[in-house]
Amino acid sequence: MNRPAWSAPRVPDSPKRILVVDDDEPIRVLLHRVLRREGFAVETASDGFEAITKLSRGDYDTILLDLRMPRVDGFGVLGFLEENRPDLAGAVVIMTANLPGAAGVQAEGRVSRVLPKPFDLGEVLATVRDPN
């Protein structure tokens, strides 16, 4: 009796994990909805303190990071990453209206990209798909 060849079902690639860090709730909600609709696994943090907590226990493919936030700002998050999670430093994309500060951080090689606020959603999606 001939049996048909059997192969294991294809397991889909797991979605890219994104962490959105911004104290502006409408921005967090918008990015969460848009990125999830595009198939990404998305978590959010409302400030740098909350982001550091999440970064301490999880891995992310891309970190969308605002610079100006209460408690711990984006520069504090970058410092945490450099000291504790250097493996994630290249995953950081700055989203900010503070372009002079962000340009300095990018020039130092501490982030992969800078997106000026207000940002274009198409550019955010393109950056998350290929942050370099």
N, C-alpha and C. Protein backbone atom coordinates (compact mmCIF):
# COMPACT_ATOMS: atom_id res chain seq x y z
N MET A 1 0.83 -1.17 0.00
CA MET A 1 0.00 0.00 0.00
C MET A 1 0.88 1.24 0.00
N ASN A 2 0.64 2.09 -0.95
CA ASN A 2 1.40 3.33 -1.04
C ASN A 2 0.78 4.39 -0.13
N ARG A 3 1.61 4.96 0.70
CA ARG A 3 1.14 6.04 1.57
C ARG A 3 1.57 7.37 0.96
N PRO A 4 0.71 8.36 1.03
CA PRO A 4 1.12 9.65 0.52
C PRO A 4 2.23 10.24 1.39
N ALA A 5 3.11 10.97 0.75
CA ALA A 5 4.18 11.62 1.50
C ALA A 5 3.55 12.63 2.46
N TRP A 6 4.07 12.65 3.65
CA TRP A 6 3.53 13.55 4.67
C TRP A 6 4.62 14.52 5.08
N SER A 7 4.22 15.74 5.26
CA SER A 7 5.17 16.72 5.78
C SER A 7 4.48 17.51 6.88
N ALA A 8 5.26 17.97 7.81
CA ALA A 8 4.72 18.74 8.91
C ALA A 8 4.15 20.05 8.39
N PRO A 9 3.08 20.52 9.00
CA PRO A 9 2.53 21.79 8.56
C PRO A 9 3.54 22.90 8.80
N ARG A 10 3.53 23.88 7.91
CA ARG A 10 4.44 25.01 8.03
C ARG A 10 4.02 25.87 9.21
N VAL A 11 4.96 26.13 10.10
CA VAL A 11 4.71 27.00 11.23
C VAL A 11 5.03 28.43 10.78
N PRO A 12 4.05 29.32 10.87
CA PRO A 12 4.32 30.68 10.42
C PRO A 12 5.39 31.34 11.29
N ASP A 13 6.14 32.23 10.65
CA ASP A 13 7.14 32.98 11.40
C ASP A 13 6.44 33.78 12.48
N SER A 14 7.08 33.86 13.62
CA SER A 14 6.49 34.66 14.68
C SER A 14 6.60 36.14 14.30
N PRO A 15 5.61 36.92 14.68
CA PRO A 15 5.63 38.33 14.29
C PRO A 15 6.75 39.09 15.01
N LYS A 16 7.21 40.14 14.36
CA LYS A 16 8.19 41.01 14.99
C LYS A 16 7.58 41.62 16.25
N ARG A 17 8.39 41.70 17.30
CA ARG A 17 7.93 42.30 18.55
C ARG A 17 8.37 43.75 18.61
N ILE A 18 7.40 44.63 18.86
CA ILE A 18 7.64 46.07 18.88
C ILE A 18 7.28 46.60 20.26
N LEU A 19 8.13 47.48 20.80
CA LEU A 19 7.81 48.20 22.03
C LEU A 19 7.68 49.68 21.67
N VAL A 20 6.50 50.25 21.93
CA VAL A 20 6.24 51.67 21.69
C VAL A 20 6.33 52.38 23.04
N VAL A 21 7.25 53.34 23.15
CA VAL A 21 7.47 54.06 24.40
C VAL A 21 7.21 55.54 24.16
N ASP A 22 6.08 56.03 24.68
CA ASP A 22 5.72 57.44 24.49
C ASP A 22 4.73 57.82 25.59
N ASP A 23 4.92 59.01 26.17
CA ASP A 23 4.01 59.46 27.22
C ASP A 23 2.72 60.04 26.66
N ASP A 24 2.64 60.25 25.37
CA ASP A 24 1.45 60.79 24.73
C ASP A 24 0.51 59.63 24.40
N GLU A 25 -0.57 59.50 25.17
CA GLU A 25 -1.48 58.36 25.01
C GLU A 25 -2.05 58.22 23.61
N PRO A 26 -2.52 59.29 22.95
CA PRO A 26 -3.04 59.11 21.59
C PRO A 26 -2.00 58.53 20.62
N ILE A 27 -0.75 58.89 20.78
CA ILE A 27 0.30 58.33 19.92
C ILE A 27 0.48 56.84 20.21
N ARG A 28 0.53 56.48 21.50
CA ARG A 28 0.67 55.06 21.86
C ARG A 28 -0.48 54.24 21.30
N VAL A 29 -1.71 54.73 21.48
CA VAL A 29 -2.89 53.99 21.02
C VAL A 29 -2.87 53.85 19.50
N LEU A 30 -2.58 54.94 18.80
CA LEU A 30 -2.54 54.91 17.34
C LEU A 30 -1.51 53.90 16.84
N LEU A 31 -0.29 54.00 17.36
CA LEU A 31 0.76 53.09 16.90
C LEU A 31 0.44 51.64 17.27
N HIS A 32 -0.11 51.42 18.45
CA HIS A 32 -0.50 50.06 18.84
C HIS A 32 -1.50 49.49 17.84
N ARG A 33 -2.54 50.24 17.53
CA ARG A 33 -3.57 49.76 16.60
C ARG A 33 -3.01 49.51 15.20
N VAL A 34 -2.27 50.47 14.68
CA VAL A 34 -1.76 50.35 13.31
C VAL A 34 -0.77 49.19 13.21
N LEU A 35 0.15 49.09 14.14
CA LEU A 35 1.15 48.03 14.07
C LEU A 35 0.55 46.65 14.28
N ARG A 36 -0.42 46.52 15.19
CA ARG A 36 -1.09 45.22 15.37
C ARG A 36 -1.87 44.83 14.12
N ARG A 37 -2.53 45.82 13.52
CA ARG A 37 -3.27 45.54 12.28
C ARG A 37 -2.34 45.04 11.18
N GLU A 38 -1.09 45.48 11.22
CA GLU A 38 -0.09 45.05 10.22
C GLU A 38 0.57 43.73 10.60
N GLY A 39 0.16 43.14 11.72
CA GLY A 39 0.65 41.81 12.07
C GLY A 39 1.80 41.77 13.07
N PHE A 40 2.16 42.90 13.65
CA PHE A 40 3.24 42.93 14.63
C PHE A 40 2.69 42.63 16.02
N ALA A 41 3.54 42.09 16.87
CA ALA A 41 3.21 41.91 18.29
C ALA A 41 3.67 43.18 18.99
N VAL A 42 2.74 43.92 19.57
CA VAL A 42 3.04 45.25 20.09
C VAL A 42 2.77 45.34 21.59
N GLU A 43 3.73 45.94 22.29
CA GLU A 43 3.56 46.32 23.69
C GLU A 43 3.82 47.81 23.77
N THR A 44 3.27 48.44 24.81
CA THR A 44 3.47 49.87 24.98
C THR A 44 3.96 50.17 26.38
N ALA A 45 4.60 51.34 26.51
CA ALA A 45 5.03 51.86 27.80
C ALA A 45 4.79 53.36 27.79
N SER A 46 4.29 53.88 28.91
CA SER A 46 3.92 55.30 28.98
C SER A 46 5.07 56.20 29.42
N ASP A 47 6.17 55.62 29.83
CA ASP A 47 7.35 56.42 30.18
C ASP A 47 8.56 55.49 30.21
N GLY A 48 9.73 56.10 30.44
CA GLY A 48 10.95 55.32 30.43
C GLY A 48 11.05 54.30 31.55
N PHE A 49 10.48 54.61 32.71
CA PHE A 49 10.50 53.66 33.82
C PHE A 49 9.77 52.37 33.44
N GLU A 50 8.58 52.53 32.87
CA GLU A 50 7.80 51.36 32.45
C GLU A 50 8.53 50.61 31.33
N ALA A 51 9.18 51.35 30.43
CA ALA A 51 9.93 50.72 29.34
C ALA A 51 11.08 49.89 29.88
N ILE A 52 11.81 50.44 30.84
CA ILE A 52 12.94 49.70 31.42
C ILE A 52 12.46 48.41 32.08
N THR A 53 11.33 48.46 32.74
CA THR A 53 10.76 47.25 33.34
C THR A 53 10.51 46.19 32.27
N LYS A 54 9.92 46.60 31.16
CA LYS A 54 9.63 45.65 30.07
C LYS A 54 10.91 45.17 29.39
N LEU A 55 11.85 46.08 29.20
CA LEU A 55 13.11 45.72 28.55
C LEU A 55 13.95 44.79 29.43
N SER A 56 13.74 44.83 30.72
CA SER A 56 14.47 43.95 31.64
C SER A 56 14.06 42.50 31.51
N ARG A 57 12.85 42.28 31.03
CA ARG A 57 12.35 40.90 30.99
C ARG A 57 11.95 40.42 29.60
N GLY A 58 12.09 41.27 28.58
CA GLY A 58 11.65 40.85 27.26
C GLY A 58 12.59 41.30 26.16
N ASP A 59 12.45 40.65 25.02
CA ASP A 59 13.22 41.01 23.83
C ASP A 59 12.29 41.63 22.80
N TYR A 60 12.82 42.57 22.06
CA TYR A 60 12.04 43.27 21.05
C TYR A 60 12.88 43.42 19.80
N ASP A 61 12.20 43.38 18.66
CA ASP A 61 12.89 43.59 17.39
C ASP A 61 13.08 45.07 17.11
N THR A 62 12.11 45.88 17.53
CA THR A 62 12.19 47.33 17.35
C THR A 62 11.62 48.01 18.59
N ILE A 63 12.28 49.09 19.01
CA ILE A 63 11.82 49.90 20.12
C ILE A 63 11.61 51.31 19.58
N LEU A 64 10.35 51.74 19.52
CA LEU A 64 10.02 53.10 19.10
C LEU A 64 10.02 53.95 20.35
N LEU A 65 10.97 54.87 20.47
CA LEU A 65 11.24 55.56 21.73
C LEU A 65 11.16 57.07 21.60
N ASP A 66 10.29 57.67 22.41
CA ASP A 66 10.24 59.13 22.53
C ASP A 66 11.38 59.55 23.44
N LEU A 67 11.85 60.80 23.29
CA LEU A 67 12.93 61.29 24.16
C LEU A 67 12.41 62.02 25.38
N ARG A 68 11.39 62.85 25.20
CA ARG A 68 10.89 63.67 26.31
C ARG A 68 9.70 62.98 26.98
N MET A 69 9.96 62.47 28.20
CA MET A 69 8.92 61.79 28.97
C MET A 69 9.16 62.04 30.45
N PRO A 70 8.10 61.88 31.27
CA PRO A 70 8.28 62.04 32.71
C PRO A 70 9.00 60.85 33.34
N ARG A 71 9.35 60.99 34.58
CA ARG A 71 10.06 60.00 35.40
C ARG A 71 11.41 59.66 34.78
N VAL A 72 11.45 58.81 33.78
CA VAL A 72 12.68 58.47 33.08
C VAL A 72 12.47 58.80 31.61
N ASP A 73 13.34 59.65 31.05
CA ASP A 73 13.18 60.05 29.65
C ASP A 73 13.87 59.04 28.71
N GLY A 74 13.81 59.33 27.42
CA GLY A 74 14.40 58.43 26.44
C GLY A 74 15.90 58.26 26.59
N PHE A 75 16.58 59.33 27.01
CA PHE A 75 18.02 59.22 27.24
C PHE A 75 18.32 58.26 28.38
N GLY A 76 17.46 58.24 29.39
CA GLY A 76 17.60 57.28 30.48
C GLY A 76 17.42 55.85 30.01
N VAL A 77 16.48 55.64 29.09
CA VAL A 77 16.26 54.31 28.53
C VAL A 77 17.48 53.89 27.71
N LEU A 78 18.03 54.82 26.93
CA LEU A 78 19.23 54.50 26.15
C LEU A 78 20.39 54.13 27.07
N GLY A 79 20.53 54.86 28.18
CA GLY A 79 21.58 54.53 29.14
C GLY A 79 21.39 53.14 29.73
N PHE A 80 20.15 52.81 30.06
CA PHE A 80 19.85 51.46 30.58
C PHE A 80 20.24 50.40 29.55
N LEU A 81 19.86 50.62 28.29
CA LEU A 81 20.17 49.64 27.25
C LEU A 81 21.68 49.47 27.09
N GLU A 82 22.42 50.58 27.09
CA GLU A 82 23.86 50.49 26.92
C GLU A 82 24.52 49.70 28.05
N GLU A 83 24.03 49.86 29.27
CA GLU A 83 24.62 49.18 30.41
C GLU A 83 24.12 47.75 30.59
N ASN A 84 22.83 47.53 30.30
CA ASN A 84 22.21 46.25 30.65
C ASN A 84 21.76 45.39 29.48
N ARG A 85 21.43 46.01 28.36
CA ARG A 85 20.91 45.26 27.22
C ARG A 85 21.56 45.75 25.92
N PRO A 86 22.89 45.71 25.81
CA PRO A 86 23.53 46.21 24.59
C PRO A 86 23.06 45.46 23.33
N ASP A 87 22.53 44.26 23.52
CA ASP A 87 22.01 43.50 22.39
C ASP A 87 20.80 44.17 21.75
N LEU A 88 20.11 45.06 22.48
CA LEU A 88 18.92 45.74 21.95
C LEU A 88 19.20 47.16 21.46
N ALA A 89 20.40 47.67 21.67
CA ALA A 89 20.69 49.06 21.32
C ALA A 89 20.43 49.35 19.83
N GLY A 90 20.73 48.44 18.96
CA GLY A 90 20.50 48.64 17.53
C GLY A 90 19.05 48.58 17.12
N ALA A 91 18.18 48.18 18.04
CA ALA A 91 16.76 48.07 17.73
C ALA A 91 16.01 49.37 17.97
N VAL A 92 16.68 50.40 18.49
CA VAL A 92 16.00 51.63 18.91
C VAL A 92 15.82 52.59 17.74
N VAL A 93 14.57 53.05 17.61
CA VAL A 93 14.22 54.11 16.66
C VAL A 93 13.64 55.24 17.49
N ILE A 94 14.27 56.41 17.42
CA ILE A 94 13.81 57.57 18.18
C ILE A 94 12.66 58.23 17.41
N MET A 95 11.60 58.57 18.12
CA MET A 95 10.49 59.36 17.58
C MET A 95 10.42 60.62 18.43
N THR A 96 10.72 61.78 17.84
CA THR A 96 10.78 62.98 18.67
C THR A 96 10.68 64.25 17.86
N ALA A 97 10.26 65.31 18.55
CA ALA A 97 10.32 66.65 17.98
C ALA A 97 11.64 67.30 18.38
N ASN A 98 12.40 66.66 19.28
CA ASN A 98 13.70 67.15 19.74
C ASN A 98 14.78 66.67 18.78
N LEU A 99 14.77 67.20 17.55
CA LEU A 99 15.69 66.71 16.54
C LEU A 99 17.16 66.97 16.85
N PRO A 100 17.54 68.11 17.43
CA PRO A 100 18.96 68.26 17.76
C PRO A 100 19.47 67.18 18.72
N GLY A 101 18.71 66.89 19.76
CA GLY A 101 19.11 65.84 20.69
C GLY A 101 19.16 64.47 20.04
N ALA A 102 18.17 64.20 19.21
CA ALA A 102 18.10 62.89 18.53
C ALA A 102 19.23 62.74 17.51
N ALA A 103 19.56 63.82 16.81
CA ALA A 103 20.63 63.75 15.82
C ALA A 103 21.96 63.42 16.49
N GLY A 104 22.19 63.99 17.68
CA GLY A 104 23.42 63.68 18.40
C GLY A 104 23.49 62.22 18.81
N VAL A 105 22.37 61.69 19.26
CA VAL A 105 22.31 60.29 19.68
C VAL A 105 22.53 59.38 18.48
N GLN A 106 21.95 59.73 17.34
CA GLN A 106 22.12 58.91 16.14
C GLN A 106 23.57 58.99 15.65
N ALA A 107 24.16 60.19 15.69
CA ALA A 107 25.54 60.34 15.25
C ALA A 107 26.50 59.51 16.11
N GLU A 108 26.17 59.34 17.37
CA GLU A 108 26.99 58.53 18.28
C GLU A 108 26.78 57.03 18.04
N GLY A 109 25.85 56.66 17.18
CA GLY A 109 25.59 55.26 16.89
C GLY A 109 24.76 54.57 17.96
N ARG A 110 24.05 55.35 18.78
CA ARG A 110 23.27 54.77 19.87
C ARG A 110 21.88 54.32 19.44
N VAL A 111 21.41 54.74 18.27
CA VAL A 111 20.10 54.35 17.75
C VAL A 111 20.23 54.06 16.26
N SER A 112 19.29 53.30 15.73
CA SER A 112 19.37 52.95 14.32
C SER A 112 18.77 54.02 13.42
N ARG A 113 17.79 54.78 13.95
CA ARG A 113 17.08 55.73 13.09
C ARG A 113 16.37 56.77 13.94
N VAL A 114 16.07 57.91 13.33
CA VAL A 114 15.30 58.97 13.98
C VAL A 114 14.11 59.31 13.09
N LEU A 115 12.91 59.30 13.69
CA LEU A 115 11.70 59.72 12.99
C LEU A 115 11.21 61.01 13.64
N PRO A 116 11.17 62.11 12.88
CA PRO A 116 10.71 63.37 13.47
C PRO A 116 9.20 63.35 13.70
N LYS A 117 8.79 64.00 14.81
CA LYS A 117 7.37 64.19 15.07
C LYS A 117 6.98 65.56 14.55
N PRO A 118 5.82 65.71 13.98
CA PRO A 118 4.85 64.64 13.73
C PRO A 118 5.36 63.70 12.64
N PHE A 119 5.08 62.42 12.82
CA PHE A 119 5.60 61.41 11.90
C PHE A 119 4.53 60.99 10.91
N ASP A 120 4.98 60.38 9.85
CA ASP A 120 4.13 59.81 8.82
C ASP A 120 3.98 58.32 9.11
N LEU A 121 2.75 57.83 9.19
CA LEU A 121 2.54 56.41 9.52
C LEU A 121 3.19 55.47 8.51
N GLY A 122 3.20 55.86 7.26
CA GLY A 122 3.87 55.03 6.25
C GLY A 122 5.35 54.90 6.53
N GLU A 123 5.96 55.99 6.97
CA GLU A 123 7.38 55.95 7.30
C GLU A 123 7.63 55.11 8.55
N VAL A 124 6.73 55.19 9.51
CA VAL A 124 6.86 54.35 10.71
C VAL A 124 6.80 52.87 10.32
N LEU A 125 5.82 52.52 9.49
CA LEU A 125 5.69 51.11 9.08
C LEU A 125 6.92 50.65 8.30
N ALA A 126 7.41 51.47 7.38
CA ALA A 126 8.60 51.11 6.62
C ALA A 126 9.80 50.93 7.55
N THR A 127 9.91 51.78 8.55
CA THR A 127 11.03 51.71 9.49
C THR A 127 10.93 50.46 10.35
N VAL A 128 9.75 50.12 10.81
CA VAL A 128 9.58 48.92 11.63
C VAL A 128 9.88 47.67 10.80
N ARG A 129 9.50 47.69 9.56
CA ARG A 129 9.79 46.52 8.70
C ARG A 129 11.27 46.39 8.44
N ASP A 130 11.98 47.52 8.29
CA ASP A 130 13.42 47.51 8.05
C ASP A 130 14.03 48.74 8.71
N PRO A 131 14.42 48.63 10.01
CA PRO A 131 14.88 49.80 10.75
C PRO A 131 16.22 50.38 10.28
N ASN A 132 16.96 49.70 9.45
CA ASN A 132 18.28 50.21 9.03
C ASN A 132 18.24 50.95 7.73
